Amino acid sequence: MSEKMKKLYRSRKNRILFGVCGGLGSYFKIDSNIIRILFIIFAPVSGVSMILYVALVLLIPNEGGKRIDEDKFKEVNEFKKRAEEKIQNIAKGIKKK
């Protein structure tokens, strides 16, 4: 009667950046592209999805069970900086109009 507990992992096979959307898609049994689109839609609105994505990268382990290593942590920080710059540029463009 004991059912196997479903666990959330970052995908190693279905990944574009860090496998967060692929892992969420597998966990919820939906297409990971839908999750990617939602992250993209909400990124320029408030930037919350970018912060959430970075937090998920840091908190969710890979399928192999390891959390993010130091190189990936540096990549996440660089990705975060680039994303924040792009969001600020978009916000400036919107304010000008």
PDB file of N, CA and C in Angstrom:
ATOM      1  N   MET A   1       0.800  -1.199   0.000  1.00  0.00           N
ATOM      2  CA  MET A   1       0.000   0.000   0.000  1.00  0.00           C
ATOM      3  C   MET A   1       0.841   1.262   0.000  1.00  0.00           C
ATOM      4  N   SER A   2       2.124   1.134   0.199  1.00  0.00           N
ATOM      5  CA  SER A   2       2.955   2.340   0.210  1.00  0.00           C
ATOM      6  C   SER A   2       3.273   2.761  -1.214  1.00  0.00           C
ATOM      7  N   GLU A   3       2.847   3.957  -1.545  1.00  0.00           N
ATOM      8  CA  GLU A   3       3.120   4.505  -2.869  1.00  0.00           C
ATOM      9  C   GLU A   3       4.460   5.208  -2.843  1.00  0.00           C
ATOM     10  N   LYS A   4       5.140   5.168  -3.972  1.00  0.00           N
ATOM     11  CA  LYS A   4       6.417   5.849  -4.067  1.00  0.00           C
ATOM     12  C   LYS A   4       6.183   7.352  -4.122  1.00  0.00           C
ATOM     13  N   MET A   5       6.851   8.081  -3.246  1.00  0.00           N
ATOM     14  CA  MET A   5       6.677   9.530  -3.177  1.00  0.00           C
ATOM     15  C   MET A   5       7.329  10.191  -4.395  1.00  0.00           C
ATOM     16  N   LYS A   6       6.590  11.073  -5.017  1.00  0.00           N
ATOM     17  CA  LYS A   6       7.089  11.791  -6.183  1.00  0.00           C
ATOM     18  C   LYS A   6       8.021  12.902  -5.718  1.00  0.00           C
ATOM     19  N   LYS A   7       9.206  13.013  -6.338  1.00  0.00           N
ATOM     20  CA  LYS A   7      10.185  14.027  -5.944  1.00  0.00           C
ATOM     21  C   LYS A   7      10.446  14.991  -7.102  1.00  0.00           C
ATOM     22  N   LEU A   8      10.764  16.201  -6.746  1.00  0.00           N
ATOM     23  CA  LEU A   8      11.052  17.244  -7.722  1.00  0.00           C
ATOM     24  C   LEU A   8      12.555  17.357  -7.922  1.00  0.00           C
ATOM     25  N   TYR A   9      12.994  17.229  -9.168  1.00  0.00           N
ATOM     26  CA  TYR A   9      14.397  17.357  -9.531  1.00  0.00           C
ATOM     27  C   TYR A   9      14.523  18.280 -10.735  1.00  0.00           C
ATOM     28  N   ARG A  10      15.706  18.885 -10.879  1.00  0.00           N
ATOM     29  CA  ARG A  10      16.008  19.608 -12.111  1.00  0.00           C
ATOM     30  C   ARG A  10      16.370  18.568 -13.163  1.00  0.00           C
ATOM     31  N   SER A  11      15.798  18.687 -14.326  1.00  0.00           N
ATOM     32  CA  SER A  11      15.988  17.709 -15.386  1.00  0.00           C
ATOM     33  C   SER A  11      17.390  17.787 -15.974  1.00  0.00           C
ATOM     34  N   ARG A  12      17.962  16.631 -16.247  1.00  0.00           N
ATOM     35  CA  ARG A  12      19.257  16.582 -16.941  1.00  0.00           C
ATOM     36  C   ARG A  12      19.057  16.450 -18.448  1.00  0.00           C
ATOM     37  N   LYS A  13      17.927  15.918 -18.859  1.00  0.00           N
ATOM     38  CA  LYS A  13      17.672  15.686 -20.279  1.00  0.00           C
ATOM     39  C   LYS A  13      16.886  16.821 -20.928  1.00  0.00           C
ATOM     40  N   ASN A  14      15.892  17.335 -20.229  1.00  0.00           N
ATOM     41  CA  ASN A  14      15.001  18.364 -20.770  1.00  0.00           C
ATOM     42  C   ASN A  14      15.381  19.713 -20.164  1.00  0.00           C
ATOM     43  N   ARG A  15      16.509  20.255 -20.612  1.00  0.00           N
ATOM     44  CA  ARG A  15      16.972  21.519 -20.045  1.00  0.00           C
ATOM     45  C   ARG A  15      17.421  22.461 -21.141  1.00  0.00           C
ATOM     46  N   ILE A  16      17.225  23.739 -20.871  1.00  0.00           N
ATOM     47  CA  ILE A  16      17.762  24.786 -21.731  1.00  0.00           C
ATOM     48  C   ILE A  16      18.844  25.520 -20.956  1.00  0.00           C
ATOM     49  N   LEU A  17      18.539  25.926 -19.728  1.00  0.00           N
ATOM     50  CA  LEU A  17      19.552  26.556 -18.878  1.00  0.00           C
ATOM     51  C   LEU A  17      19.987  25.601 -17.772  1.00  0.00           C
ATOM     52  N   PHE A  18      19.114  25.419 -16.788  1.00  0.00           N
ATOM     53  CA  PHE A  18      19.478  24.624 -15.618  1.00  0.00           C
ATOM     54  C   PHE A  18      18.539  23.460 -15.356  1.00  0.00           C
ATOM     55  N   GLY A  19      17.532  23.261 -16.178  1.00  0.00           N
ATOM     56  CA  GLY A  19      16.644  22.122 -16.027  1.00  0.00           C
ATOM     57  C   GLY A  19      15.471  22.331 -15.087  1.00  0.00           C
ATOM     58  N   VAL A  20      15.271  23.560 -14.627  1.00  0.00           N
ATOM     59  CA  VAL A  20      14.173  23.830 -13.695  1.00  0.00           C
ATOM     60  C   VAL A  20      12.831  23.592 -14.377  1.00  0.00           C
ATOM     61  N   CYS A  21      12.616  24.166 -15.528  1.00  0.00           N
ATOM     62  CA  CYS A  21      11.334  24.031 -16.220  1.00  0.00           C
ATOM     63  C   CYS A  21      11.092  22.583 -16.647  1.00  0.00           C
ATOM     64  N   GLY A  22      12.136  21.894 -17.083  1.00  0.00           N
ATOM     65  CA  GLY A  22      12.003  20.482 -17.433  1.00  0.00           C
ATOM     66  C   GLY A  22      11.615  19.645 -16.230  1.00  0.00           C
ATOM     67  N   GLY A  23      12.217  19.938 -15.085  1.00  0.00           N
ATOM     68  CA  GLY A  23      11.884  19.219 -13.862  1.00  0.00           C
ATOM     69  C   GLY A  23      10.474  19.498 -13.395  1.00  0.00           C
ATOM     70  N   LEU A  24      10.057  20.768 -13.462  1.00  0.00           N
ATOM     71  CA  LEU A  24       8.687  21.120 -13.084  1.00  0.00           C
ATOM     72  C   LEU A  24       7.674  20.459 -14.019  1.00  0.00           C
ATOM     73  N   GLY A  25       8.001  20.425 -15.309  1.00  0.00           N
ATOM     74  CA  GLY A  25       7.120  19.780 -16.270  1.00  0.00           C
ATOM     75  C   GLY A  25       6.955  18.296 -15.984  1.00  0.00           C
ATOM     76  N   SER A  26       8.056  17.628 -15.669  1.00  0.00           N
ATOM     77  CA  SER A  26       7.988  16.208 -15.329  1.00  0.00           C
ATOM     78  C   SER A  26       7.207  15.975 -14.047  1.00  0.00           C
ATOM     79  N   TYR A  27       7.422  16.824 -13.076  1.00  0.00           N
ATOM     80  CA  TYR A  27       6.758  16.673 -11.780  1.00  0.00           C
ATOM     81  C   TYR A  27       5.247  16.833 -11.910  1.00  0.00           C
ATOM     82  N   PHE A  28       4.812  17.857 -12.644  1.00  0.00           N
ATOM     83  CA  PHE A  28       3.384  18.133 -12.796  1.00  0.00           C
ATOM     84  C   PHE A  28       2.773  17.441 -14.017  1.00  0.00           C
ATOM     85  N   LYS A  29       3.592  16.709 -14.762  1.00  0.00           N
ATOM     86  CA  LYS A  29       3.158  15.966 -15.954  1.00  0.00           C
ATOM     87  C   LYS A  29       2.500  16.873 -16.987  1.00  0.00           C
ATOM     88  N   ILE A  30       3.191  17.999 -17.268  1.00  0.00           N
ATOM     89  CA  ILE A  30       2.760  18.902 -18.332  1.00  0.00           C
ATOM     90  C   ILE A  30       3.987  19.229 -19.188  1.00  0.00           C
ATOM     91  N   ASP A  31       3.747  19.816 -20.339  1.00  0.00           N
ATOM     92  CA  ASP A  31       4.839  20.173 -21.234  1.00  0.00           C
ATOM     93  C   ASP A  31       5.696  21.266 -20.599  1.00  0.00           C
ATOM     94  N   SER A  32       6.989  21.048 -20.551  1.00  0.00           N
ATOM     95  CA  SER A  32       7.891  22.012 -19.926  1.00  0.00           C
ATOM     96  C   SER A  32       7.925  23.343 -20.669  1.00  0.00           C
ATOM     97  N   ASN A  33       7.575  23.342 -21.954  1.00  0.00           N
ATOM     98  CA  ASN A  33       7.547  24.590 -22.714  1.00  0.00           C
ATOM     99  C   ASN A  33       6.483  25.548 -22.194  1.00  0.00           C
ATOM    100  N   ILE A  34       5.399  25.012 -21.654  1.00  0.00           N
ATOM    101  CA  ILE A  34       4.364  25.859 -21.060  1.00  0.00           C
ATOM    102  C   ILE A  34       4.939  26.608 -19.867  1.00  0.00           C
ATOM    103  N   ILE A  35       5.706  25.909 -19.050  1.00  0.00           N
ATOM    104  CA  ILE A  35       6.323  26.534 -17.881  1.00  0.00           C
ATOM    105  C   ILE A  35       7.341  27.573 -18.328  1.00  0.00           C
ATOM    106  N   ARG A  36       8.123  27.257 -19.349  1.00  0.00           N
ATOM    107  CA  ARG A  36       9.102  28.217 -19.872  1.00  0.00           C
ATOM    108  C   ARG A  36       8.409  29.490 -20.350  1.00  0.00           C
ATOM    109  N   ILE A  37       7.309  29.326 -21.057  1.00  0.00           N
ATOM    110  CA  ILE A  37       6.569  30.479 -21.568  1.00  0.00           C
ATOM    111  C   ILE A  37       6.052  31.340 -20.411  1.00  0.00           C
ATOM    112  N   LEU A  38       5.557  30.693 -19.355  1.00  0.00           N
ATOM    113  CA  LEU A  38       5.066  31.446 -18.203  1.00  0.00           C
ATOM    114  C   LEU A  38       6.190  32.238 -17.538  1.00  0.00           C
ATOM    115  N   PHE A  39       7.374  31.626 -17.407  1.00  0.00           N
ATOM    116  CA  PHE A  39       8.511  32.350 -16.844  1.00  0.00           C
ATOM    117  C   PHE A  39       8.860  33.553 -17.720  1.00  0.00           C
ATOM    118  N   ILE A  40       8.833  33.377 -19.035  1.00  0.00           N
ATOM    119  CA  ILE A  40       9.183  34.462 -19.954  1.00  0.00           C
ATOM    120  C   ILE A  40       8.144  35.579 -19.905  1.00  0.00           C
ATOM    121  N   ILE A  41       6.867  35.202 -19.834  1.00  0.00           N
ATOM    122  CA  ILE A  41       5.800  36.206 -19.800  1.00  0.00           C
ATOM    123  C   ILE A  41       5.899  37.064 -18.542  1.00  0.00           C
ATOM    124  N   PHE A  42       6.151  36.433 -17.405  1.00  0.00           N
ATOM    125  CA  PHE A  42       6.149  37.170 -16.147  1.00  0.00           C
ATOM    126  C   PHE A  42       7.479  37.840 -15.823  1.00  0.00           C
ATOM    127  N   ALA A  43       8.532  37.550 -16.556  1.00  0.00           N
ATOM    128  CA  ALA A  43       9.844  38.159 -16.280  1.00  0.00           C
ATOM    129  C   ALA A  43       9.821  39.681 -16.438  1.00  0.00           C
ATOM    130  N   PRO A  44       9.345  40.234 -17.557  1.00  0.00           N
ATOM    131  CA  PRO A  44       9.364  41.688 -17.686  1.00  0.00           C
ATOM    132  C   PRO A  44       8.306  42.395 -16.848  1.00  0.00           C
ATOM    133  N   VAL A  45       7.287  41.678 -16.418  1.00  0.00           N
ATOM    134  CA  VAL A  45       6.212  42.304 -15.665  1.00  0.00           C
ATOM    135  C   VAL A  45       6.713  42.795 -14.314  1.00  0.00           C
ATOM    136  N   SER A  46       7.371  41.917 -13.573  1.00  0.00           N
ATOM    137  CA  SER A  46       7.815  42.340 -12.245  1.00  0.00           C
ATOM    138  C   SER A  46       9.199  41.811 -11.883  1.00  0.00           C
ATOM    139  N   GLY A  47       9.700  40.895 -12.639  1.00  0.00           N
ATOM    140  CA  GLY A  47      10.995  40.315 -12.318  1.00  0.00           C
ATOM    141  C   GLY A  47      10.912  39.209 -11.280  1.00  0.00           C
ATOM    142  N   VAL A  48       9.714  38.955 -10.772  1.00  0.00           N
ATOM    143  CA  VAL A  48       9.541  37.927  -9.750  1.00  0.00           C
ATOM    144  C   VAL A  48       9.886  36.551 -10.304  1.00  0.00           C
ATOM    145  N   SER A  49       9.527  36.293 -11.560  1.00  0.00           N
ATOM    146  CA  SER A  49       9.803  34.972 -12.110  1.00  0.00           C
ATOM    147  C   SER A  49      11.308  34.722 -12.226  1.00  0.00           C
ATOM    148  N   MET A  50      12.090  35.758 -12.456  1.00  0.00           N
ATOM    149  CA  MET A  50      13.546  35.584 -12.527  1.00  0.00           C
ATOM    150  C   MET A  50      14.107  35.236 -11.149  1.00  0.00           C
ATOM    151  N   ILE A  51      13.607  35.916 -10.131  1.00  0.00           N
ATOM    152  CA  ILE A  51      14.048  35.625  -8.763  1.00  0.00           C
ATOM    153  C   ILE A  51      13.617  34.217  -8.373  1.00  0.00           C
ATOM    154  N   LEU A  52      12.393  33.849  -8.734  1.00  0.00           N
ATOM    155  CA  LEU A  52      11.891  32.510  -8.448  1.00  0.00           C
ATOM    156  C   LEU A  52      12.738  31.457  -9.162  1.00  0.00           C
ATOM    157  N   TYR A  53      13.078  31.710 -10.431  1.00  0.00           N
ATOM    158  CA  TYR A  53      13.881  30.761 -11.191  1.00  0.00           C
ATOM    159  C   TYR A  53      15.241  30.545 -10.524  1.00  0.00           C
ATOM    160  N   VAL A  54      15.895  31.624 -10.145  1.00  0.00           N
ATOM    161  CA  VAL A  54      17.211  31.519  -9.499  1.00  0.00           C
ATOM    162  C   VAL A  54      17.080  30.755  -8.179  1.00  0.00           C
ATOM    163  N   ALA A  55      16.025  31.038  -7.417  1.00  0.00           N
ATOM    164  CA  ALA A  55      15.817  30.323  -6.156  1.00  0.00           C
ATOM    165  C   ALA A  55      15.607  28.835  -6.395  1.00  0.00           C
ATOM    166  N   LEU A  56      14.837  28.496  -7.428  1.00  0.00           N
ATOM    167  CA  LEU A  56      14.605  27.086  -7.743  1.00  0.00           C
ATOM    168  C   LEU A  56      15.880  26.391  -8.187  1.00  0.00           C
ATOM    169  N   VAL A  57      16.721  27.091  -8.938  1.00  0.00           N
ATOM    170  CA  VAL A  57      17.998  26.512  -9.352  1.00  0.00           C
ATOM    171  C   VAL A  57      18.832  26.163  -8.122  1.00  0.00           C
ATOM    172  N   LEU A  58      18.810  27.037  -7.143  1.00  0.00           N
ATOM    173  CA  LEU A  58      19.613  26.819  -5.944  1.00  0.00           C
ATOM    174  C   LEU A  58      19.010  25.767  -5.009  1.00  0.00           C
ATOM    175  N   LEU A  59      17.695  25.638  -4.997  1.00  0.00           N
ATOM    176  CA  LEU A  59      17.039  24.751  -4.032  1.00  0.00           C
ATOM    177  C   LEU A  59      16.758  23.341  -4.545  1.00  0.00           C
ATOM    178  N   ILE A  60      16.449  23.210  -5.826  1.00  0.00           N
ATOM    179  CA  ILE A  60      16.059  21.905  -6.362  1.00  0.00           C
ATOM    180  C   ILE A  60      17.318  21.142  -6.796  1.00  0.00           C
ATOM    181  N   PRO A  61      17.486  19.919  -6.326  1.00  0.00           N
ATOM    182  CA  PRO A  61      18.665  19.144  -6.729  1.00  0.00           C
ATOM    183  C   PRO A  61      18.533  18.614  -8.150  1.00  0.00           C
ATOM    184  N   ASN A  62      19.650  18.296  -8.780  1.00  0.00           N
ATOM    185  CA  ASN A  62      19.652  17.637 -10.081  1.00  0.00           C
ATOM    186  C   ASN A  62      19.079  16.238  -9.940  1.00  0.00           C
ATOM    187  N   GLU A  63      18.765  15.622 -11.070  1.00  0.00           N
ATOM    188  CA  GLU A  63      18.242  14.261 -11.042  1.00  0.00           C
ATOM    189  C   GLU A  63      19.206  13.309 -10.343  1.00  0.00           C
ATOM    190  N   GLY A  64      20.495  13.575 -10.415  1.00  0.00           N
ATOM    191  CA  GLY A  64      21.475  12.737  -9.747  1.00  0.00           C
ATOM    192  C   GLY A  64      21.508  12.958  -8.251  1.00  0.00           C
ATOM    193  N   GLY A  65      20.790  13.944  -7.757  1.00  0.00           N
ATOM    194  CA  GLY A  65      20.690  14.189  -6.340  1.00  0.00           C
ATOM    195  C   GLY A  65      21.616  15.273  -5.823  1.00  0.00           C
ATOM    196  N   LYS A  66      22.511  15.782  -6.652  1.00  0.00           N
ATOM    197  CA  LYS A  66      23.425  16.830  -6.199  1.00  0.00           C
ATOM    198  C   LYS A  66      22.783  18.189  -6.406  1.00  0.00           C
ATOM    199  N   ARG A  67      23.024  19.063  -5.465  1.00  0.00           N
ATOM    200  CA  ARG A  67      22.595  20.445  -5.644  1.00  0.00           C
ATOM    201  C   ARG A  67      23.583  21.141  -6.562  1.00  0.00           C
ATOM    202  N   ILE A  68      23.354  22.385  -6.821  1.00  0.00           N
ATOM    203  CA  ILE A  68      24.165  23.138  -7.765  1.00  0.00           C
ATOM    204  C   ILE A  68      25.626  23.201  -7.314  1.00  0.00           C
ATOM    205  N   ASP A  69      26.539  23.049  -8.251  1.00  0.00           N
ATOM    206  CA  ASP A  69      27.950  23.152  -7.903  1.00  0.00           C
ATOM    207  C   ASP A  69      28.422  24.599  -8.054  1.00  0.00           C
ATOM    208  N   GLU A  70      29.652  24.859  -7.683  1.00  0.00           N
ATOM    209  CA  GLU A  70      30.162  26.238  -7.648  1.00  0.00           C
ATOM    210  C   GLU A  70      30.139  26.903  -9.026  1.00  0.00           C
ATOM    211  N   ASP A  71      30.508  26.159 -10.081  1.00  0.00           N
ATOM    212  CA  ASP A  71      30.497  26.746 -11.424  1.00  0.00           C
ATOM    213  C   ASP A  71      29.096  27.161 -11.832  1.00  0.00           C
ATOM    214  N   LYS A  72      28.118  26.312 -11.531  1.00  0.00           N
ATOM    215  CA  LYS A  72      26.738  26.641 -11.868  1.00  0.00           C
ATOM    216  C   LYS A  72      26.258  27.845 -11.057  1.00  0.00           C
ATOM    217  N   PHE A  73      26.721  27.947  -9.814  1.00  0.00           N
ATOM    218  CA  PHE A  73      26.340  29.085  -8.979  1.00  0.00           C
ATOM    219  C   PHE A  73      26.824  30.384  -9.614  1.00  0.00           C
ATOM    220  N   LYS A  74      28.044  30.379 -10.154  1.00  0.00           N
ATOM    221  CA  LYS A  74      28.570  31.562 -10.843  1.00  0.00           C
ATOM    222  C   LYS A  74      27.743  31.856 -12.089  1.00  0.00           C
ATOM    223  N   GLU A  75      27.370  30.798 -12.812  1.00  0.00           N
ATOM    224  CA  GLU A  75      26.545  30.983 -14.006  1.00  0.00           C
ATOM    225  C   GLU A  75      25.197  31.594 -13.646  1.00  0.00           C
ATOM    226  N   VAL A  76      24.618  31.150 -12.547  1.00  0.00           N
ATOM    227  CA  VAL A  76      23.331  31.685 -12.110  1.00  0.00           C
ATOM    228  C   VAL A  76      23.459  33.169 -11.794  1.00  0.00           C
ATOM    229  N   ASN A  77      24.514  33.542 -11.097  1.00  0.00           N
ATOM    230  CA  ASN A  77      24.712  34.954 -10.764  1.00  0.00           C
ATOM    231  C   ASN A  77      24.883  35.797 -12.015  1.00  0.00           C
ATOM    232  N   GLU A  78      25.636  35.298 -12.998  1.00  0.00           N
ATOM    233  CA  GLU A  78      25.810  36.028 -14.257  1.00  0.00           C
ATOM    234  C   GLU A  78      24.477  36.130 -14.995  1.00  0.00           C
ATOM    235  N   PHE A  79      23.725  35.031 -15.014  1.00  0.00           N
ATOM    236  CA  PHE A  79      22.414  35.026 -15.666  1.00  0.00           C
ATOM    237  C   PHE A  79      21.492  36.034 -14.990  1.00  0.00           C
ATOM    238  N   LYS A  80      21.524  36.072 -13.665  1.00  0.00           N
ATOM    239  CA  LYS A  80      20.687  36.999 -12.912  1.00  0.00           C
ATOM    240  C   LYS A  80      21.035  38.438 -13.254  1.00  0.00           C
ATOM    241  N   LYS A  81      22.334  38.755 -13.323  1.00  0.00           N
ATOM    242  CA  LYS A  81      22.764  40.118 -13.651  1.00  0.00           C
ATOM    243  C   LYS A  81      22.294  40.515 -15.047  1.00  0.00           C
ATOM    244  N   ARG A  82      22.472  39.610 -16.019  1.00  0.00           N
ATOM    245  CA  ARG A  82      22.038  39.912 -17.389  1.00  0.00           C
ATOM    246  C   ARG A  82      20.527  40.099 -17.449  1.00  0.00           C
ATOM    247  N   ALA A  83      19.795  39.254 -16.729  1.00  0.00           N
ATOM    248  CA  ALA A  83      18.335  39.351 -16.729  1.00  0.00           C
ATOM    249  C   ALA A  83      17.880  40.660 -16.102  1.00  0.00           C
ATOM    250  N   GLU A  84      18.506  41.055 -15.009  1.00  0.00           N
ATOM    251  CA  GLU A  84      18.138  42.321 -14.356  1.00  0.00           C
ATOM    252  C   GLU A  84      18.417  43.501 -15.275  1.00  0.00           C
ATOM    253  N   GLU A  85      19.533  43.466 -15.992  1.00  0.00           N
ATOM    254  CA  GLU A  85      19.858  44.542 -16.931  1.00  0.00           C
ATOM    255  C   GLU A  85      18.821  44.620 -18.036  1.00  0.00           C
ATOM    256  N   LYS A  86      18.422  43.458 -18.577  1.00  0.00           N
ATOM    257  CA  LYS A  86      17.425  43.453 -19.639  1.00  0.00           C
ATOM    258  C   LYS A  86      16.080  43.959 -19.136  1.00  0.00           C
ATOM    259  N   ILE A  87      15.708  43.563 -17.925  1.00  0.00           N
ATOM    260  CA  ILE A  87      14.444  44.017 -17.356  1.00  0.00           C
ATOM    261  C   ILE A  87      14.464  45.529 -17.150  1.00  0.00           C
ATOM    262  N   GLN A  88      15.595  46.061 -16.687  1.00  0.00           N
ATOM    263  CA  GLN A  88      15.716  47.511 -16.501  1.00  0.00           C
ATOM    264  C   GLN A  88      15.635  48.227 -17.841  1.00  0.00           C
ATOM    265  N   ASN A  89      16.258  47.691 -18.884  1.00  0.00           N
ATOM    266  CA  ASN A  89      16.186  48.291 -20.210  1.00  0.00           C
ATOM    267  C   ASN A  89      14.764  48.296 -20.736  1.00  0.00           C
ATOM    268  N   ILE A  90      14.053  47.205 -20.514  1.00  0.00           N
ATOM    269  CA  ILE A  90      12.648  47.132 -20.955  1.00  0.00           C
ATOM    270  C   ILE A  90      11.819  48.159 -20.188  1.00  0.00           C
ATOM    271  N   ALA A  91      12.040  48.253 -18.884  1.00  0.00           N
ATOM    272  CA  ALA A  91      11.293  49.219 -18.063  1.00  0.00           C
ATOM    273  C   ALA A  91      11.574  50.660 -18.523  1.00  0.00           C
ATOM    274  N   LYS A  92      12.833  50.969 -18.849  1.00  0.00           N
ATOM    275  CA  LYS A  92      13.172  52.308 -19.345  1.00  0.00           C
ATOM    276  C   LYS A  92      12.468  52.585 -20.661  1.00  0.00           C
ATOM    277  N   GLY A  93      12.430  51.570 -21.536  1.00  0.00           N
ATOM    278  CA  GLY A  93      11.739  51.731 -22.820  1.00  0.00           C
ATOM    279  C   GLY A  93      10.251  51.970 -22.647  1.00  0.00           C
ATOM    280  N   ILE A  94       9.665  51.318 -21.681  1.00  0.00           N
ATOM    281  CA  ILE A  94       8.231  51.498 -21.418  1.00  0.00           C
ATOM    282  C   ILE A  94       7.961  52.877 -20.847  1.00  0.00           C
ATOM    283  N   LYS A  95       8.828  53.352 -19.951  1.00  0.00           N
ATOM    284  CA  LYS A  95       8.655  54.680 -19.348  1.00  0.00           C
ATOM    285  C   LYS A  95       8.772  55.795 -20.373  1.00  0.00           C
ATOM    286  N   LYS A  96       9.623  55.599 -21.394  1.00  0.00           N
ATOM    287  CA  LYS A  96       9.801  56.622 -22.420  1.00  0.00           C
ATOM    288  C   LYS A  96       8.540  56.802 -23.254  1.00  0.00           C
ATOM    289  N   LYS A  97       7.783  55.730 -23.417  1.00  0.00           N
ATOM    290  CA  LYS A  97       6.565  55.791 -24.236  1.00  0.00           C
ATOM    291  C   LYS A  97       5.492  56.382 -23.430  1.00  0.00           C
TER     292      LYS A  97
END
